[in-house]
Amino acid sequence: MNNIGVVWDFDGTLAPDDSTMKTVEILSRGEVSGAEFFKRVKDLRGDARGPEESWKHIQAMDAPIWMYILSQLAASQRVPLNTEFFNRFVIEHIALFPGVEKFLREIKKLGSRPDFKKARVEIHHFIVSAGLKNLIELALPQGVVTETYGCRYQIVQHGSDALPESVPVYCVDETAKTRALFEIAKGTFHSKERPLNHRQKSKWLPFENMIYVGDGDTDIPALALTRERGGMGVIVYNPGHEQTRIDARLETIRRGYRADLITPADYSLDGQLFKFIESRCVQIMQRCEASRVSRASRTKVSLSAAG
């Protein structure tokens, strides 16, 4: 079986708002703003150190720090950061861009076409996000996404009367996203028999069969890896934002030619994004079918020669 993977960022890509900040607002009852939250992150990260000391340390990662701060905020409200909490209090405040659910289903349905079946090609959606895995999975339609890579907590409770602790066990930042891409390529997410550092003759999902879709600078390492290995990279932006804000966000992407397509986050089925991904999936399918025909012809010649 040949696999095609469309790998999506979440916040800013499939959803217009920052889902983690929604969680912060709800836990703090609106008393902690995004600016204040990230000021705490910067303080713990050590940004206050003077430039004369910058050589003495390697800058800390943001993900473990904000996950710790968020867990402390949850502890102050005596709640665990688990699926039940997100389902009861947060998910109703998370909105996707219009048309996302139908878009994802229609792209996946391409795999049901006769030509895709003949070429033995399946299409998979993956989420690779620095957001919260449990919350993202609630926000998206069931049965459409093959696997979600996102930040997650393990809930620990020492005794029935103790407060639940939300312990960060998986942290995702821009560089961790590249690890997720390697895991997707090797298929390690569904098989313990395929460790990440194990050499394989063939990938479960070759990078040239991958399309990565993100929305900004934090997606650059994943975009670079995907494109360097033959895949496609797409950047989307919120068309509702002011043009100056859009230009500032995309300056690095445009200047470095880091994406094959830069397009509005328009999830209509006649939009540029759908046409691009559909065309790329068809292109990959045709390449897979050409390889299948070529292998069959070589086998036929080999059998004839043996006879």
C-alpha atoms as a PDB file:
ATOM      1  CA  MET A   1       0.000   0.000   0.000  1.00  0.00           C
ATOM      2  CA  ASN A   2       1.209   3.513  -0.871  1.00  0.00           C
ATOM      3  CA  ASN A   3       0.438   6.278   1.619  1.00  0.00           C
ATOM      4  CA  ILE A   4      -0.027  10.004   1.117  1.00  0.00           C
ATOM      5  CA  GLY A   5       0.159  12.202   4.202  1.00  0.00           C
ATOM      6  CA  VAL A   6      -1.225  15.710   4.604  1.00  0.00           C
ATOM      7  CA  VAL A   7       0.347  17.039   7.798  1.00  0.00           C
ATOM      8  CA  TRP A   8      -1.393  19.980   9.448  1.00  0.00           C
ATOM      9  CA  ASP A   9      -0.425  22.477  12.089  1.00  0.00           C
ATOM     10  CA  PHE A  10      -3.494  23.453  14.162  1.00  0.00           C
ATOM     11  CA  ASP A  11      -3.489  26.920  15.749  1.00  0.00           C
ATOM     12  CA  GLY A  12      -3.515  29.536  12.991  1.00  0.00           C
ATOM     13  CA  THR A  13      -3.818  26.829  10.334  1.00  0.00           C
ATOM     14  CA  LEU A  14      -7.026  24.873  10.924  1.00  0.00           C
ATOM     15  CA  ALA A  15      -8.248  27.167  13.698  1.00  0.00           C
ATOM     16  CA  PRO A  16      -7.972  30.966  13.669  1.00  0.00           C
ATOM     17  CA  ASP A  17      -7.256  31.377  17.405  1.00  0.00           C
ATOM     18  CA  ASP A  18      -4.680  30.021  19.842  1.00  0.00           C
ATOM     19  CA  SER A  19      -6.428  27.107  21.563  1.00  0.00           C
ATOM     20  CA  THR A  20      -3.925  27.034  24.426  1.00  0.00           C
ATOM     21  CA  MET A  21      -4.595  30.692  25.216  1.00  0.00           C
ATOM     22  CA  LYS A  22      -8.309  29.884  25.341  1.00  0.00           C
ATOM     23  CA  THR A  23      -7.480  27.319  28.019  1.00  0.00           C
ATOM     24  CA  VAL A  24      -5.465  29.930  29.945  1.00  0.00           C
ATOM     25  CA  GLU A  25      -8.346  32.406  29.796  1.00  0.00           C
ATOM     26  CA  ILE A  26     -10.842  29.833  31.068  1.00  0.00           C
ATOM     27  CA  LEU A  27      -8.627  28.566  33.904  1.00  0.00           C
ATOM     28  CA  SER A  28      -7.788  32.103  35.048  1.00  0.00           C
ATOM     29  CA  ARG A  29     -11.348  33.316  34.512  1.00  0.00           C
ATOM     30  CA  GLY A  30     -10.014  36.030  32.244  1.00  0.00           C
ATOM     31  CA  GLU A  31      -7.522  37.367  34.768  1.00  0.00           C
ATOM     32  CA  VAL A  32      -4.403  36.204  32.877  1.00  0.00           C
ATOM     33  CA  SER A  33      -3.927  37.587  29.363  1.00  0.00           C
ATOM     34  CA  GLY A  34      -1.812  36.016  26.656  1.00  0.00           C
ATOM     35  CA  ALA A  35       0.774  38.783  27.074  1.00  0.00           C
ATOM     36  CA  GLU A  36       1.036  38.157  30.815  1.00  0.00           C
ATOM     37  CA  PHE A  37       1.235  34.397  30.332  1.00  0.00           C
ATOM     38  CA  PHE A  38       4.145  34.656  27.902  1.00  0.00           C
ATOM     39  CA  LYS A  39       5.862  37.225  30.110  1.00  0.00           C
ATOM     40  CA  ARG A  40       5.952  34.492  32.762  1.00  0.00           C
ATOM     41  CA  VAL A  41       7.388  32.105  30.176  1.00  0.00           C
ATOM     42  CA  LYS A  42      10.121  34.600  29.258  1.00  0.00           C
ATOM     43  CA  ASP A  43      10.938  35.251  32.902  1.00  0.00           C
ATOM     44  CA  LEU A  44      11.379  31.535  33.619  1.00  0.00           C
ATOM     45  CA  ARG A  45      13.305  31.114  30.374  1.00  0.00           C
ATOM     46  CA  GLY A  46      15.857  33.636  31.600  1.00  0.00           C
ATOM     47  CA  ASP A  47      15.343  36.420  29.078  1.00  0.00           C
ATOM     48  CA  ALA A  48      16.182  39.014  31.748  1.00  0.00           C
ATOM     49  CA  ARG A  49      19.839  37.995  31.670  1.00  0.00           C
ATOM     50  CA  GLY A  50      22.049  40.671  30.206  1.00  0.00           C
ATOM     51  CA  PRO A  51      23.806  40.201  26.843  1.00  0.00           C
ATOM     52  CA  GLU A  52      27.121  39.848  28.660  1.00  0.00           C
ATOM     53  CA  GLU A  53      25.841  36.538  30.102  1.00  0.00           C
ATOM     54  CA  SER A  54      24.155  35.223  26.964  1.00  0.00           C
ATOM     55  CA  TRP A  55      27.130  33.011  26.145  1.00  0.00           C
ATOM     56  CA  LYS A  56      26.807  31.203  29.480  1.00  0.00           C
ATOM     57  CA  HIS A  57      23.599  29.369  28.710  1.00  0.00           C
ATOM     58  CA  ILE A  58      21.645  27.790  25.925  1.00  0.00           C
ATOM     59  CA  GLN A  59      18.197  29.326  25.702  1.00  0.00           C
ATOM     60  CA  ALA A  60      15.554  27.123  27.283  1.00  0.00           C
ATOM     61  CA  MET A  61      12.685  25.597  25.308  1.00  0.00           C
ATOM     62  CA  ASP A  62       9.322  27.349  25.588  1.00  0.00           C
ATOM     63  CA  ALA A  63       7.115  24.236  25.565  1.00  0.00           C
ATOM     64  CA  PRO A  64       8.125  22.688  28.921  1.00  0.00           C
ATOM     65  CA  ILE A  65       7.932  26.125  30.563  1.00  0.00           C
ATOM     66  CA  TRP A  66       4.449  27.093  29.386  1.00  0.00           C
ATOM     67  CA  MET A  67       3.193  23.575  30.076  1.00  0.00           C
ATOM     68  CA  TYR A  68       4.492  23.884  33.641  1.00  0.00           C
ATOM     69  CA  ILE A  69       2.865  27.305  34.120  1.00  0.00           C
ATOM     70  CA  LEU A  70      -0.413  25.999  32.701  1.00  0.00           C
ATOM     71  CA  SER A  71      -0.307  22.977  35.031  1.00  0.00           C
ATOM     72  CA  GLN A  72       0.206  25.288  38.017  1.00  0.00           C
ATOM     73  CA  LEU A  73      -2.756  27.362  36.901  1.00  0.00           C
ATOM     74  CA  ALA A  74      -4.853  24.184  36.653  1.00  0.00           C
ATOM     75  CA  ALA A  75      -3.704  23.087  40.117  1.00  0.00           C
ATOM     76  CA  SER A  76      -4.829  26.415  41.552  1.00  0.00           C
ATOM     77  CA  GLN A  77      -8.319  25.620  40.249  1.00  0.00           C
ATOM     78  CA  ARG A  78      -8.064  22.000  41.440  1.00  0.00           C
ATOM     79  CA  VAL A  79      -8.694  20.549  37.965  1.00  0.00           C
ATOM     80  CA  PRO A  80      -6.721  18.048  35.830  1.00  0.00           C
ATOM     81  CA  LEU A  81      -5.762  18.952  32.275  1.00  0.00           C
ATOM     82  CA  ASN A  82      -7.382  15.871  30.758  1.00  0.00           C
ATOM     83  CA  THR A  83      -9.925  15.148  28.026  1.00  0.00           C
ATOM     84  CA  GLU A  84     -12.861  15.424  30.433  1.00  0.00           C
ATOM     85  CA  PHE A  85     -11.823  18.943  31.474  1.00  0.00           C
ATOM     86  CA  PHE A  86     -11.330  20.101  27.881  1.00  0.00           C
ATOM     87  CA  ASN A  87     -14.642  18.572  26.820  1.00  0.00           C
ATOM     88  CA  ARG A  88     -16.619  20.203  29.654  1.00  0.00           C
ATOM     89  CA  PHE A  89     -15.082  23.657  29.755  1.00  0.00           C
ATOM     90  CA  VAL A  90     -12.927  24.495  26.723  1.00  0.00           C
ATOM     91  CA  ILE A  91     -14.038  22.835  23.498  1.00  0.00           C
ATOM     92  CA  GLU A  92     -17.123  25.032  23.075  1.00  0.00           C
ATOM     93  CA  HIS A  93     -14.770  28.028  22.814  1.00  0.00           C
ATOM     94  CA  ILE A  94     -12.632  26.499  20.030  1.00  0.00           C
ATOM     95  CA  ALA A  95     -13.693  27.267  16.468  1.00  0.00           C
ATOM     96  CA  LEU A  96     -12.231  25.944  13.224  1.00  0.00           C
ATOM     97  CA  PHE A  97     -12.003  27.964  10.044  1.00  0.00           C
ATOM     98  CA  PRO A  98     -15.256  27.612   8.067  1.00  0.00           C
ATOM     99  CA  GLY A  99     -15.335  24.465   5.932  1.00  0.00           C
ATOM    100  CA  VAL A 100     -12.431  22.628   7.596  1.00  0.00           C
ATOM    101  CA  GLU A 101     -14.366  19.459   8.438  1.00  0.00           C
ATOM    102  CA  LYS A 102     -15.740  18.979   4.913  1.00  0.00           C
ATOM    103  CA  PHE A 103     -12.352  19.880   3.416  1.00  0.00           C
ATOM    104  CA  LEU A 104     -10.563  17.162   5.387  1.00  0.00           C
ATOM    105  CA  ARG A 105     -13.206  14.567   4.545  1.00  0.00           C
ATOM    106  CA  GLU A 106     -13.166  15.371   0.824  1.00  0.00           C
ATOM    107  CA  ILE A 107      -9.380  15.137   0.587  1.00  0.00           C
ATOM    108  CA  LYS A 108      -9.455  11.789   2.386  1.00  0.00           C
ATOM    109  CA  LYS A 109     -12.270  10.564   0.098  1.00  0.00           C
ATOM    110  CA  LEU A 110      -9.961  10.904  -2.914  1.00  0.00           C
ATOM    111  CA  GLY A 111      -8.525   7.586  -1.803  1.00  0.00           C
ATOM    112  CA  SER A 112     -11.880   5.943  -2.616  1.00  0.00           C
ATOM    113  CA  ARG A 113     -11.654   6.846  -6.308  1.00  0.00           C
ATOM    114  CA  PRO A 114     -11.068   3.893  -8.680  1.00  0.00           C
ATOM    115  CA  ASP A 115      -7.742   5.271  -9.908  1.00  0.00           C
ATOM    116  CA  PHE A 116      -6.428   5.648  -6.345  1.00  0.00           C
ATOM    117  CA  LYS A 117      -7.601   2.132  -5.464  1.00  0.00           C
ATOM    118  CA  LYS A 118      -5.945   0.709  -8.567  1.00  0.00           C
ATOM    119  CA  ALA A 119      -2.663   2.352  -7.577  1.00  0.00           C
ATOM    120  CA  ARG A 120      -3.224   1.111  -3.973  1.00  0.00           C
ATOM    121  CA  VAL A 121      -2.938   4.632  -2.556  1.00  0.00           C
ATOM    122  CA  GLU A 122      -4.435   5.725   0.772  1.00  0.00           C
ATOM    123  CA  ILE A 123      -4.632   9.323   2.033  1.00  0.00           C
ATOM    124  CA  HIS A 124      -4.009  10.189   5.689  1.00  0.00           C
ATOM    125  CA  HIS A 125      -4.319  13.401   7.686  1.00  0.00           C
ATOM    126  CA  PHE A 126      -1.915  14.070  10.562  1.00  0.00           C
ATOM    127  CA  ILE A 127      -1.806  16.900  13.088  1.00  0.00           C
ATOM    128  CA  VAL A 128       1.588  18.133  14.291  1.00  0.00           C
ATOM    129  CA  SER A 129       1.034  21.013  16.680  1.00  0.00           C
ATOM    130  CA  ALA A 130       2.542  22.775  19.671  1.00  0.00           C
ATOM    131  CA  GLY A 131      -1.006  22.910  21.045  1.00  0.00           C
ATOM    132  CA  LEU A 132      -2.665  20.460  23.418  1.00  0.00           C
ATOM    133  CA  LYS A 133      -3.290  17.028  21.919  1.00  0.00           C
ATOM    134  CA  ASN A 134      -6.419  16.186  23.955  1.00  0.00           C
ATOM    135  CA  LEU A 135      -8.079  19.482  23.034  1.00  0.00           C
ATOM    136  CA  ILE A 136      -7.163  19.310  19.343  1.00  0.00           C
ATOM    137  CA  GLU A 137      -8.576  15.803  19.018  1.00  0.00           C
ATOM    138  CA  LEU A 138     -11.897  17.014  20.449  1.00  0.00           C
ATOM    139  CA  ALA A 139     -12.007  19.916  17.985  1.00  0.00           C
ATOM    140  CA  LEU A 140     -11.604  17.800  14.846  1.00  0.00           C
ATOM    141  CA  PRO A 141     -14.055  15.311  13.271  1.00  0.00           C
ATOM    142  CA  GLN A 142     -13.685  11.748  14.476  1.00  0.00           C
ATOM    143  CA  GLY A 143     -12.210   9.160  12.099  1.00  0.00           C
ATOM    144  CA  VAL A 144     -10.569  11.675   9.753  1.00  0.00           C
ATOM    145  CA  VAL A 145      -7.160  12.197  11.399  1.00  0.00           C
ATOM    146  CA  THR A 146      -4.818   9.210  11.560  1.00  0.00           C
ATOM    147  CA  GLU A 147      -2.639  10.537  14.391  1.00  0.00           C
ATOM    148  CA  THR A 148      -2.195  13.740  16.396  1.00  0.00           C
ATOM    149  CA  TYR A 149       1.173  14.890  17.722  1.00  0.00           C
ATOM    150  CA  GLY A 150       0.736  17.580  20.360  1.00  0.00           C
ATOM    151  CA  CYS A 151       1.646  18.568  23.890  1.00  0.00           C
ATOM    152  CA  ARG A 152       0.086  16.327  26.505  1.00  0.00           C
ATOM    153  CA  TYR A 153      -0.088  15.740  30.234  1.00  0.00           C
ATOM    154  CA  GLN A 154      -0.196  12.651  32.410  1.00  0.00           C
ATOM    155  CA  ILE A 155      -2.538  13.040  35.358  1.00  0.00           C
ATOM    156  CA  VAL A 156      -0.992  11.830  38.628  1.00  0.00           C
ATOM    157  CA  GLN A 157      -2.853  11.616  41.933  1.00  0.00           C
ATOM    158  CA  HIS A 158      -1.181  10.402  45.119  1.00  0.00           C
ATOM    159  CA  GLY A 159      -4.115   9.185  47.194  1.00  0.00           C
ATOM    160  CA  SER A 160      -7.843   9.722  46.866  1.00  0.00           C
ATOM    161  CA  ASP A 161      -7.779  13.004  48.789  1.00  0.00           C
ATOM    162  CA  ALA A 162      -4.787  14.483  46.982  1.00  0.00           C
ATOM    163  CA  LEU A 163      -5.049  17.120  44.270  1.00  0.00           C
ATOM    164  CA  PRO A 164      -4.542  15.799  40.718  1.00  0.00           C
ATOM    165  CA  GLU A 165      -1.227  16.847  39.204  1.00  0.00           C
ATOM    166  CA  SER A 166      -0.935  17.544  35.463  1.00  0.00           C
ATOM    167  CA  VAL A 167       2.587  16.408  34.585  1.00  0.00           C
ATOM    168  CA  PRO A 168       3.951  17.410  31.150  1.00  0.00           C
ATOM    169  CA  VAL A 169       5.067  14.215  29.395  1.00  0.00           C
ATOM    170  CA  TYR A 170       5.267  15.272  25.735  1.00  0.00           C
ATOM    171  CA  CYS A 171       6.337  18.755  24.663  1.00  0.00           C
ATOM    172  CA  VAL A 172       6.226  19.999  21.074  1.00  0.00           C
ATOM    173  CA  ASP A 173       8.036  23.017  19.668  1.00  0.00           C
ATOM    174  CA  GLU A 174       9.213  23.886  16.160  1.00  0.00           C
ATOM    175  CA  THR A 175      12.134  21.455  16.208  1.00  0.00           C
ATOM    176  CA  ALA A 176      10.156  18.644  17.841  1.00  0.00           C
ATOM    177  CA  LYS A 177       7.811  18.878  14.857  1.00  0.00           C
ATOM    178  CA  THR A 178      10.586  17.493  12.653  1.00  0.00           C
ATOM    179  CA  ARG A 179      10.881  14.435  14.904  1.00  0.00           C
ATOM    180  CA  ALA A 180       7.148  13.886  14.453  1.00  0.00           C
ATOM    181  CA  LEU A 181       7.612  13.959  10.675  1.00  0.00           C
ATOM    182  CA  PHE A 182      10.254  11.234  10.909  1.00  0.00           C
ATOM    183  CA  GLU A 183       7.907   9.148  13.071  1.00  0.00           C
ATOM    184  CA  ILE A 184       5.137   9.581  10.516  1.00  0.00           C
ATOM    185  CA  ALA A 185       7.487   8.673   7.659  1.00  0.00           C
ATOM    186  CA  LYS A 186       8.567   5.470   9.419  1.00  0.00           C
ATOM    187  CA  GLY A 187       5.110   4.591  10.723  1.00  0.00           C
ATOM    188  CA  THR A 188       6.338   4.355  14.316  1.00  0.00           C
ATOM    189  CA  PHE A 189       3.074   5.850  15.609  1.00  0.00           C
ATOM    190  CA  HIS A 190       1.196   2.574  15.032  1.00  0.00           C
ATOM    191  CA  SER A 191       3.917  -0.047  15.365  1.00  0.00           C
ATOM    192  CA  LYS A 192       6.346  -0.673  18.231  1.00  0.00           C
ATOM    193  CA  GLU A 193       8.313  -2.817  15.805  1.00  0.00           C
ATOM    194  CA  ARG A 194       9.414   0.291  13.898  1.00  0.00           C
ATOM    195  CA  PRO A 195      11.676   2.268  16.264  1.00  0.00           C
ATOM    196  CA  LEU A 196      12.598   5.757  15.091  1.00  0.00           C
ATOM    197  CA  ASN A 197      16.344   5.014  14.868  1.00  0.00           C
ATOM    198  CA  HIS A 198      15.867   1.768  12.928  1.00  0.00           C
ATOM    199  CA  ARG A 199      16.954   1.824   9.285  1.00  0.00           C
ATOM    200  CA  GLN A 200      14.255   0.813   6.827  1.00  0.00           C
ATOM    201  CA  LYS A 201      14.469  -0.176   3.176  1.00  0.00           C
ATOM    202  CA  SER A 202      11.179   1.579   2.518  1.00  0.00           C
ATOM    203  CA  LYS A 203       9.243   4.220   4.430  1.00  0.00           C
ATOM    204  CA  TRP A 204       5.629   3.801   5.543  1.00  0.00           C
ATOM    205  CA  LEU A 205       5.097   7.287   4.124  1.00  0.00           C
ATOM    206  CA  PRO A 206       7.988   8.594   1.999  1.00  0.00           C
ATOM    207  CA  PHE A 207       8.665  12.304   2.379  1.00  0.00           C
ATOM    208  CA  GLU A 208       7.955  12.826  -1.313  1.00  0.00           C
ATOM    209  CA  ASN A 209       4.386  11.692  -0.548  1.00  0.00           C
ATOM    210  CA  MET A 210       4.019  14.306   2.193  1.00  0.00           C
ATOM    211  CA  ILE A 211       2.367  17.730   2.160  1.00  0.00           C
ATOM    212  CA  TYR A 212       3.009  19.952   5.176  1.00  0.00           C
ATOM    213  CA  VAL A 213       0.583  22.808   5.902  1.00  0.00           C
ATOM    214  CA  GLY A 214       1.372  25.487   8.505  1.00  0.00           C
ATOM    215  CA  ASP A 215       0.978  29.181   9.150  1.00  0.00           C
ATOM    216  CA  GLY A 216       4.272  30.798  10.071  1.00  0.00           C
ATOM    217  CA  ASP A 217       7.827  30.882  11.393  1.00  0.00           C
ATOM    218  CA  THR A 218       7.384  28.029  13.881  1.00  0.00           C
ATOM    219  CA  ASP A 219       6.658  25.730  10.934  1.00  0.00           C
ATOM    220  CA  ILE A 220       9.870  26.574   9.063  1.00  0.00           C
ATOM    221  CA  PRO A 221      11.943  23.555  10.263  1.00  0.00           C
ATOM    222  CA  ALA A 222       9.126  21.149   9.310  1.00  0.00           C
ATOM    223  CA  LEU A 223       8.623  22.918   5.985  1.00  0.00           C
ATOM    224  CA  ALA A 224      12.345  22.761   5.260  1.00  0.00           C
ATOM    225  CA  LEU A 225      12.621  19.052   6.097  1.00  0.00           C
ATOM    226  CA  THR A 226       9.571  18.125   4.022  1.00  0.00           C
ATOM    227  CA  ARG A 227      10.657  20.109   0.966  1.00  0.00           C
ATOM    228  CA  GLU A 228      14.321  19.062   1.144  1.00  0.00           C
ATOM    229  CA  ARG A 229      13.197  15.427   0.954  1.00  0.00           C
ATOM    230  CA  GLY A 230      10.874  15.871  -2.003  1.00  0.00           C
ATOM    231  CA  GLY A 231       7.580  16.801  -0.358  1.00  0.00           C
ATOM    232  CA  MET A 232       5.521  19.976  -0.632  1.00  0.00           C
ATOM    233  CA  GLY A 233       5.129  22.815   1.861  1.00  0.00           C
ATOM    234  CA  VAL A 234       2.144  25.150   2.171  1.00  0.00           C
ATOM    235  CA  ILE A 235       1.660  28.260   4.301  1.00  0.00           C
ATOM    236  CA  VAL A 236      -1.805  29.630   5.003  1.00  0.00           C
ATOM    237  CA  TYR A 237      -2.750  32.966   6.533  1.00  0.00           C
ATOM    238  CA  ASN A 238      -5.930  34.382   8.031  1.00  0.00           C
ATOM    239  CA  PRO A 239      -7.495  36.588   5.338  1.00  0.00           C
ATOM    240  CA  GLY A 240      -9.390  38.444   8.049  1.00  0.00           C
ATOM    241  CA  HIS A 241      -6.206  39.990   9.441  1.00  0.00           C
ATOM    242  CA  GLU A 242      -4.867  43.357   8.356  1.00  0.00           C
ATOM    243  CA  GLN A 243      -2.484  43.178   5.391  1.00  0.00           C
ATOM    244  CA  THR A 244       0.388  44.690   7.393  1.00  0.00           C
ATOM    245  CA  ARG A 245       0.032  41.923   9.997  1.00  0.00           C
ATOM    246  CA  ILE A 246      -0.073  39.267   7.266  1.00  0.00           C
ATOM    247  CA  ASP A 247       3.025  40.692   5.562  1.00  0.00           C
ATOM    248  CA  ALA A 248       4.956  40.843   8.839  1.00  0.00           C
ATOM    249  CA  ARG A 249       4.069  37.217   9.640  1.00  0.00           C
ATOM    250  CA  LEU A 250       5.028  35.936   6.204  1.00  0.00           C
ATOM    251  CA  GLU A 251       8.137  38.034   5.547  1.00  0.00           C
ATOM    252  CA  THR A 252      10.616  35.269   6.407  1.00  0.00           C
ATOM    253  CA  ILE A 253       8.635  32.687   4.429  1.00  0.00           C
ATOM    254  CA  ARG A 254       8.472  34.805   1.296  1.00  0.00           C
ATOM    255  CA  ARG A 255      12.056  36.057   1.473  1.00  0.00           C
ATOM    256  CA  GLY A 256      13.462  32.556   1.834  1.00  0.00           C
ATOM    257  CA  TYR A 257      11.139  30.836  -0.678  1.00  0.00           C
ATOM    258  CA  ARG A 258      10.281  28.394   2.093  1.00  0.00           C
ATOM    259  CA  ALA A 259       6.898  27.232   0.772  1.00  0.00           C
ATOM    260  CA  ASP A 260       5.539  25.942  -2.535  1.00  0.00           C
ATOM    261  CA  LEU A 261       2.250  27.756  -1.938  1.00  0.00           C
ATOM    262  CA  ILE A 262       1.233  30.735   0.206  1.00  0.00           C
ATOM    263  CA  THR A 263      -2.535  31.089   0.271  1.00  0.00           C
ATOM    264  CA  PRO A 264      -5.425  32.295   2.447  1.00  0.00           C
ATOM    265  CA  ALA A 265      -6.889  29.842   4.969  1.00  0.00           C
ATOM    266  CA  ASP A 266      -9.849  29.295   2.647  1.00  0.00           C
ATOM    267  CA  TYR A 267     -11.265  25.803   3.123  1.00  0.00           C
ATOM    268  CA  SER A 268     -13.890  25.987   0.402  1.00  0.00           C
ATOM    269  CA  LEU A 269     -13.786  23.139  -2.123  1.00  0.00           C
ATOM    270  CA  ASP A 270     -13.281  25.540  -5.020  1.00  0.00           C
ATOM    271  CA  GLY A 271     -10.473  27.434  -3.279  1.00  0.00           C
ATOM    272  CA  GLN A 272      -6.787  27.459  -4.152  1.00  0.00           C
ATOM    273  CA  LEU A 273      -5.784  25.331  -1.167  1.00  0.00           C
ATOM    274  CA  PHE A 274      -8.139  22.455  -2.021  1.00  0.00           C
ATOM    275  CA  LYS A 275      -7.130  22.522  -5.688  1.00  0.00           C
ATOM    276  CA  PHE A 276      -3.426  22.463  -4.800  1.00  0.00           C
ATOM    277  CA  ILE A 277      -3.670  19.550  -2.343  1.00  0.00           C
ATOM    278  CA  GLU A 278      -6.020  17.598  -4.619  1.00  0.00           C
ATOM    279  CA  SER A 279      -3.671  18.073  -7.585  1.00  0.00           C
ATOM    280  CA  ARG A 280      -0.656  17.020  -5.554  1.00  0.00           C
ATOM    281  CA  CYS A 281      -2.443  13.886  -4.324  1.00  0.00           C
ATOM    282  CA  VAL A 282      -3.354  12.990  -7.912  1.00  0.00           C
ATOM    283  CA  GLN A 283       0.245  13.593  -8.999  1.00  0.00           C
ATOM    284  CA  ILE A 284       1.563  11.267  -6.276  1.00  0.00           C
ATOM    285  CA  MET A 285      -1.050   8.631  -7.156  1.00  0.00           C
ATOM    286  CA  GLN A 286      -0.034   8.726 -10.829  1.00  0.00           C
ATOM    287  CA  ARG A 287       3.619   8.330  -9.878  1.00  0.00           C
ATOM    288  CA  CYS A 288       2.729   5.321  -7.712  1.00  0.00           C
ATOM    289  CA  GLU A 289       0.681   3.795 -10.550  1.00  0.00           C
ATOM    290  CA  ALA A 290       3.538   4.314 -13.005  1.00  0.00           C
ATOM    291  CA  SER A 291       5.871   2.511 -10.583  1.00  0.00           C
ATOM    292  CA  ARG A 292       3.369  -0.329 -10.223  1.00  0.00           C
ATOM    293  CA  VAL A 293       3.091  -0.765 -13.998  1.00  0.00           C
ATOM    294  CA  SER A 294       6.871  -0.665 -14.338  1.00  0.00           C
ATOM    295  CA  ARG A 295       7.354  -3.357 -11.680  1.00  0.00           C
ATOM    296  CA  ALA A 296       4.692  -5.535 -13.283  1.00  0.00           C
ATOM    297  CA  SER A 297       6.350  -5.279 -16.687  1.00  0.00           C
ATOM    298  CA  ARG A 298       9.759  -6.201 -15.284  1.00  0.00           C
ATOM    299  CA  THR A 299       8.243  -9.224 -13.522  1.00  0.00           C
ATOM    300  CA  LYS A 300       6.582 -10.328 -16.745  1.00  0.00           C
ATOM    301  CA  VAL A 301       9.843 -10.065 -18.690  1.00  0.00           C
ATOM    302  CA  SER A 302      11.681 -11.940 -15.930  1.00  0.00           C
ATOM    303  CA  LEU A 303       9.160 -14.786 -15.948  1.00  0.00           C
ATOM    304  CA  SER A 304       9.280 -15.009 -19.748  1.00  0.00           C
ATOM    305  CA  ALA A 305      13.051 -15.239 -19.691  1.00  0.00           C
ATOM    306  CA  ALA A 306      12.926 -17.934 -17.040  1.00  0.00           C
ATOM    307  CA  GLY A 307      10.479 -19.949 -19.164  1.00  0.00           C
END
